Amino acid sequence: MSGYLLDTNHCSRLLEGHPVIVERLDKLGGARVVTCVIVRGELIFMAQRSEHPVVNEARVRDFLAAIGVYPVDAAAADVYGKLKAAVIGHFGPRNKTRRRKTKIEEIGFQENDLWIAAIAKRHGLVVVSADRDFERMAEAGDLSIEKWWSPEA
């Protein structure tokens, strides 16, 4: 893998200066660390719902400018479609007719997480997240994940 894509939970902790995540970043040296446009949207949403939306949105924008944000492009969309099919195939109903009608949320996944994983896969990046969804996705498809922080810790 050629770098890391931080999910929303790790970005928000990094914005708070979480010492474990900051230390881990320091140890990476020159490794590429980015996020994606889906996480950007989630962070802006969180800032807007906070007690200080203007200040927090400015912090988010400064943070994102420093690490970089990958877009959704045609190649990521192709990966998304294949990953979603693999996840439904692995976790969905065995009956083909029922499986074709299965919505991803019905088997415990969020669309945003699939897009984040697809962008990471498209660029050969490790997803860094505390969400169990990514671990489950890795069972269905070739996805590298790491957890630098855990809510249980």
C-alpha atoms as a PDB file:
ATOM      1  CA  MET A   1       0.000   0.000   0.000  1.00  0.00           C
ATOM      2  CA  SER A   2       1.187   3.462  -0.805  1.00  0.00           C
ATOM      3  CA  GLY A   3      -0.475   5.515   1.894  1.00  0.00           C
ATOM      4  CA  TYR A   4      -3.436   6.006   4.186  1.00  0.00           C
ATOM      5  CA  LEU A   5      -6.954   7.357   3.835  1.00  0.00           C
ATOM      6  CA  LEU A   6      -8.360   8.625   7.125  1.00  0.00           C
ATOM      7  CA  ASP A   7     -12.030   8.009   7.851  1.00  0.00           C
ATOM      8  CA  THR A   8     -14.192  10.577   9.628  1.00  0.00           C
ATOM      9  CA  ASN A   9     -13.618   9.210  13.135  1.00  0.00           C
ATOM     10  CA  HIS A  10      -9.841   9.492  12.789  1.00  0.00           C
ATOM     11  CA  CYS A  11     -10.018  12.923  11.134  1.00  0.00           C
ATOM     12  CA  SER A  12     -12.244  14.290  13.877  1.00  0.00           C
ATOM     13  CA  ARG A  13      -9.926  12.918  16.575  1.00  0.00           C
ATOM     14  CA  LEU A  14      -6.935  14.374  14.753  1.00  0.00           C
ATOM     15  CA  LEU A  15      -8.686  17.753  14.674  1.00  0.00           C
ATOM     16  CA  GLU A  16      -9.001  17.415  18.464  1.00  0.00           C
ATOM     17  CA  GLY A  17      -5.272  16.652  18.727  1.00  0.00           C
ATOM     18  CA  HIS A  18      -5.786  13.077  19.950  1.00  0.00           C
ATOM     19  CA  PRO A  19      -2.273  12.089  21.152  1.00  0.00           C
ATOM     20  CA  VAL A  20      -2.329   8.472  19.891  1.00  0.00           C
ATOM     21  CA  ILE A  21      -3.256   9.520  16.356  1.00  0.00           C
ATOM     22  CA  VAL A  22      -0.819  12.449  16.333  1.00  0.00           C
ATOM     23  CA  GLU A  23       1.971  10.129  17.518  1.00  0.00           C
ATOM     24  CA  ARG A  24       1.113   7.565  14.845  1.00  0.00           C
ATOM     25  CA  LEU A  25       1.239  10.236  12.135  1.00  0.00           C
ATOM     26  CA  ASP A  26       4.617  11.413  13.391  1.00  0.00           C
ATOM     27  CA  LYS A  27       5.970   7.847  13.116  1.00  0.00           C
ATOM     28  CA  LEU A  28       4.822   7.547   9.496  1.00  0.00           C
ATOM     29  CA  GLY A  29       7.363  10.057   8.309  1.00  0.00           C
ATOM     30  CA  GLY A  30       6.747  10.895   4.667  1.00  0.00           C
ATOM     31  CA  ALA A  31       3.924   8.423   4.023  1.00  0.00           C
ATOM     32  CA  ARG A  32       0.977   9.820   2.100  1.00  0.00           C
ATOM     33  CA  VAL A  33      -1.962  10.569   4.411  1.00  0.00           C
ATOM     34  CA  VAL A  34      -5.171  11.852   2.830  1.00  0.00           C
ATOM     35  CA  THR A  35      -8.920  11.661   3.134  1.00  0.00           C
ATOM     36  CA  CYS A  36     -11.709  11.840   0.577  1.00  0.00           C
ATOM     37  CA  VAL A  37     -14.606  14.022  -0.465  1.00  0.00           C
ATOM     38  CA  ILE A  38     -17.090  11.803   1.404  1.00  0.00           C
ATOM     39  CA  VAL A  39     -15.250  12.369   4.691  1.00  0.00           C
ATOM     40  CA  ARG A  40     -15.042  16.069   3.863  1.00  0.00           C
ATOM     41  CA  GLY A  41     -18.838  16.179   3.663  1.00  0.00           C
ATOM     42  CA  GLU A  42     -19.201  14.339   6.964  1.00  0.00           C
ATOM     43  CA  LEU A  43     -16.745  16.699   8.692  1.00  0.00           C
ATOM     44  CA  ILE A  44     -18.488  19.808   7.337  1.00  0.00           C
ATOM     45  CA  PHE A  45     -21.808  18.355   8.510  1.00  0.00           C
ATOM     46  CA  MET A  46     -20.356  17.775  11.992  1.00  0.00           C
ATOM     47  CA  ALA A  47     -19.015  21.335  12.084  1.00  0.00           C
ATOM     48  CA  GLN A  48     -22.404  22.746  11.084  1.00  0.00           C
ATOM     49  CA  ARG A  49     -24.113  20.849  13.891  1.00  0.00           C
ATOM     50  CA  SER A  50     -21.612  22.009  16.510  1.00  0.00           C
ATOM     51  CA  GLU A  51     -22.009  24.890  18.951  1.00  0.00           C
ATOM     52  CA  HIS A  52     -19.521  26.962  16.901  1.00  0.00           C
ATOM     53  CA  PRO A  53     -20.204  26.114  13.238  1.00  0.00           C
ATOM     54  CA  VAL A  54     -18.241  28.971  11.657  1.00  0.00           C
ATOM     55  CA  VAL A  55     -15.103  28.385  13.730  1.00  0.00           C
ATOM     56  CA  ASN A  56     -15.272  24.609  13.389  1.00  0.00           C
ATOM     57  CA  GLU A  57     -15.864  24.693   9.646  1.00  0.00           C
ATOM     58  CA  ALA A  58     -12.802  26.919   9.255  1.00  0.00           C
ATOM     59  CA  ARG A  59     -10.769  24.388  11.295  1.00  0.00           C
ATOM     60  CA  VAL A  60     -12.044  21.558   9.090  1.00  0.00           C
ATOM     61  CA  ARG A  61     -11.176  23.433   5.896  1.00  0.00           C
ATOM     62  CA  ASP A  62      -7.645  24.235   7.159  1.00  0.00           C
ATOM     63  CA  PHE A  63      -7.144  20.590   8.166  1.00  0.00           C
ATOM     64  CA  LEU A  64      -8.358  19.287   4.806  1.00  0.00           C
ATOM     65  CA  ALA A  65      -6.165  21.712   2.885  1.00  0.00           C
ATOM     66  CA  ALA A  66      -3.157  20.364   4.798  1.00  0.00           C
ATOM     67  CA  ILE A  67      -3.729  16.665   4.115  1.00  0.00           C
ATOM     68  CA  GLY A  68      -5.533  16.601   0.777  1.00  0.00           C
ATOM     69  CA  VAL A  69      -8.906  15.261  -0.314  1.00  0.00           C
ATOM     70  CA  TYR A  70      -9.398  12.645  -3.022  1.00  0.00           C
ATOM     71  CA  PRO A  71     -12.476  13.000  -5.242  1.00  0.00           C
ATOM     72  CA  VAL A  72     -14.940  10.457  -6.563  1.00  0.00           C
ATOM     73  CA  ASP A  73     -13.964   9.773 -10.153  1.00  0.00           C
ATOM     74  CA  ALA A  74     -15.030   7.199 -12.753  1.00  0.00           C
ATOM     75  CA  ALA A  75     -12.443   4.669 -11.565  1.00  0.00           C
ATOM     76  CA  ALA A  76     -13.605   5.010  -7.936  1.00  0.00           C
ATOM     77  CA  ALA A  77     -17.221   4.604  -9.087  1.00  0.00           C
ATOM     78  CA  ASP A  78     -16.280   1.356 -10.845  1.00  0.00           C
ATOM     79  CA  VAL A  79     -14.574   0.087  -7.681  1.00  0.00           C
ATOM     80  CA  TYR A  80     -17.629   1.141  -5.652  1.00  0.00           C
ATOM     81  CA  GLY A  81     -19.977  -0.878  -7.865  1.00  0.00           C
ATOM     82  CA  LYS A  82     -17.809  -3.989  -7.648  1.00  0.00           C
ATOM     83  CA  LEU A  83     -17.284  -3.620  -3.898  1.00  0.00           C
ATOM     84  CA  LYS A  84     -20.982  -3.126  -3.227  1.00  0.00           C
ATOM     85  CA  ALA A  85     -21.805  -6.236  -5.287  1.00  0.00           C
ATOM     86  CA  ALA A  86     -19.158  -8.221  -3.395  1.00  0.00           C
ATOM     87  CA  VAL A  87     -20.460  -7.059  -0.007  1.00  0.00           C
ATOM     88  CA  ILE A  88     -24.067  -7.913  -0.867  1.00  0.00           C
ATOM     89  CA  GLY A  89     -22.924 -11.216  -2.340  1.00  0.00           C
ATOM     90  CA  HIS A  90     -20.999 -12.080   0.817  1.00  0.00           C
ATOM     91  CA  PHE A  91     -23.386 -10.787   3.504  1.00  0.00           C
ATOM     92  CA  GLY A  92     -26.740 -10.704   1.711  1.00  0.00           C
ATOM     93  CA  PRO A  93     -29.371 -13.402   1.360  1.00  0.00           C
ATOM     94  CA  ARG A  94     -28.325 -16.599  -0.407  1.00  0.00           C
ATOM     95  CA  ASN A  95     -31.479 -16.531  -2.538  1.00  0.00           C
ATOM     96  CA  LYS A  96     -30.524 -14.674  -5.758  1.00  0.00           C
ATOM     97  CA  THR A  97     -33.898 -12.996  -6.174  1.00  0.00           C
ATOM     98  CA  ARG A  98     -33.836 -11.638  -2.611  1.00  0.00           C
ATOM     99  CA  ARG A  99     -30.140 -10.705  -2.932  1.00  0.00           C
ATOM    100  CA  ARG A 100     -30.840  -8.588  -6.050  1.00  0.00           C
ATOM    101  CA  LYS A 101     -33.380  -6.548  -4.074  1.00  0.00           C
ATOM    102  CA  THR A 102     -31.194  -6.161  -0.976  1.00  0.00           C
ATOM    103  CA  LYS A 103     -30.340  -2.632   0.093  1.00  0.00           C
ATOM    104  CA  ILE A 104     -26.893  -2.207   1.608  1.00  0.00           C
ATOM    105  CA  GLU A 105     -28.311  -0.727   4.836  1.00  0.00           C
ATOM    106  CA  GLU A 106     -30.355  -3.908   5.370  1.00  0.00           C
ATOM    107  CA  ILE A 107     -27.132  -5.847   5.911  1.00  0.00           C
ATOM    108  CA  GLY A 108     -25.582  -3.264   8.215  1.00  0.00           C
ATOM    109  CA  PHE A 109     -23.486  -1.071   5.902  1.00  0.00           C
ATOM    110  CA  GLN A 110     -23.600   2.634   5.118  1.00  0.00           C
ATOM    111  CA  GLU A 111     -23.310   3.939   1.565  1.00  0.00           C
ATOM    112  CA  ASN A 112     -20.759   6.555   2.669  1.00  0.00           C
ATOM    113  CA  ASP A 113     -18.471   3.856   4.056  1.00  0.00           C
ATOM    114  CA  LEU A 114     -18.626   1.969   0.749  1.00  0.00           C
ATOM    115  CA  TRP A 115     -17.634   5.124  -1.118  1.00  0.00           C
ATOM    116  CA  ILE A 116     -14.759   5.787   1.307  1.00  0.00           C
ATOM    117  CA  ALA A 117     -13.522   2.213   0.857  1.00  0.00           C
ATOM    118  CA  ALA A 118     -13.861   2.462  -2.927  1.00  0.00           C
ATOM    119  CA  ILE A 119     -11.796   5.652  -3.084  1.00  0.00           C
ATOM    120  CA  ALA A 120      -9.125   4.062  -0.876  1.00  0.00           C
ATOM    121  CA  LYS A 121      -9.026   0.913  -3.036  1.00  0.00           C
ATOM    122  CA  ARG A 122      -8.906   2.958  -6.245  1.00  0.00           C
ATOM    123  CA  HIS A 123      -5.761   4.725  -5.010  1.00  0.00           C
ATOM    124  CA  GLY A 124      -4.149   1.736  -3.272  1.00  0.00           C
ATOM    125  CA  LEU A 125      -4.560   3.241   0.199  1.00  0.00           C
ATOM    126  CA  VAL A 126      -5.152   1.707   3.610  1.00  0.00           C
ATOM    127  CA  VAL A 127      -8.425   2.817   5.218  1.00  0.00           C
ATOM    128  CA  VAL A 128      -7.790   4.093   8.741  1.00  0.00           C
ATOM    129  CA  SER A 129     -11.008   3.797  10.728  1.00  0.00           C
ATOM    130  CA  ALA A 130     -12.490   2.635  14.001  1.00  0.00           C
ATOM    131  CA  ASP A 131     -15.694   1.550  12.218  1.00  0.00           C
ATOM    132  CA  ARG A 132     -16.341  -2.173  12.187  1.00  0.00           C
ATOM    133  CA  ASP A 133     -17.992  -1.805   8.750  1.00  0.00           C
ATOM    134  CA  PHE A 134     -14.586  -1.613   7.107  1.00  0.00           C
ATOM    135  CA  GLU A 135     -13.411  -4.810   8.792  1.00  0.00           C
ATOM    136  CA  ARG A 136     -16.545  -6.525   7.497  1.00  0.00           C
ATOM    137  CA  MET A 137     -15.990  -5.096   3.988  1.00  0.00           C
ATOM    138  CA  ALA A 138     -12.484  -6.550   4.021  1.00  0.00           C
ATOM    139  CA  GLU A 139     -14.068 -10.011   4.402  1.00  0.00           C
ATOM    140  CA  ALA A 140     -15.902  -9.494   1.101  1.00  0.00           C
ATOM    141  CA  GLY A 141     -13.219  -7.728  -0.918  1.00  0.00           C
ATOM    142  CA  ASP A 142      -9.582  -6.787  -1.065  1.00  0.00           C
ATOM    143  CA  LEU A 143      -9.492  -3.894   1.400  1.00  0.00           C
ATOM    144  CA  SER A 144      -6.628  -2.964   3.694  1.00  0.00           C
ATOM    145  CA  ILE A 145      -7.606  -1.400   7.001  1.00  0.00           C
ATOM    146  CA  GLU A 146      -5.926  -0.123  10.148  1.00  0.00           C
ATOM    147  CA  LYS A 147      -7.283   1.262  13.395  1.00  0.00           C
ATOM    148  CA  TRP A 148      -5.074   3.848  15.089  1.00  0.00           C
ATOM    149  CA  TRP A 149      -7.657   4.748  17.719  1.00  0.00           C
ATOM    150  CA  SER A 150     -10.627   2.908  19.158  1.00  0.00           C
ATOM    151  CA  PRO A 151     -13.633   4.231  21.067  1.00  0.00           C
ATOM    152  CA  GLU A 152     -13.149   1.359  23.523  1.00  0.00           C
ATOM    153  CA  ALA A 153      -9.618   2.504  24.386  1.00  0.00           C
END
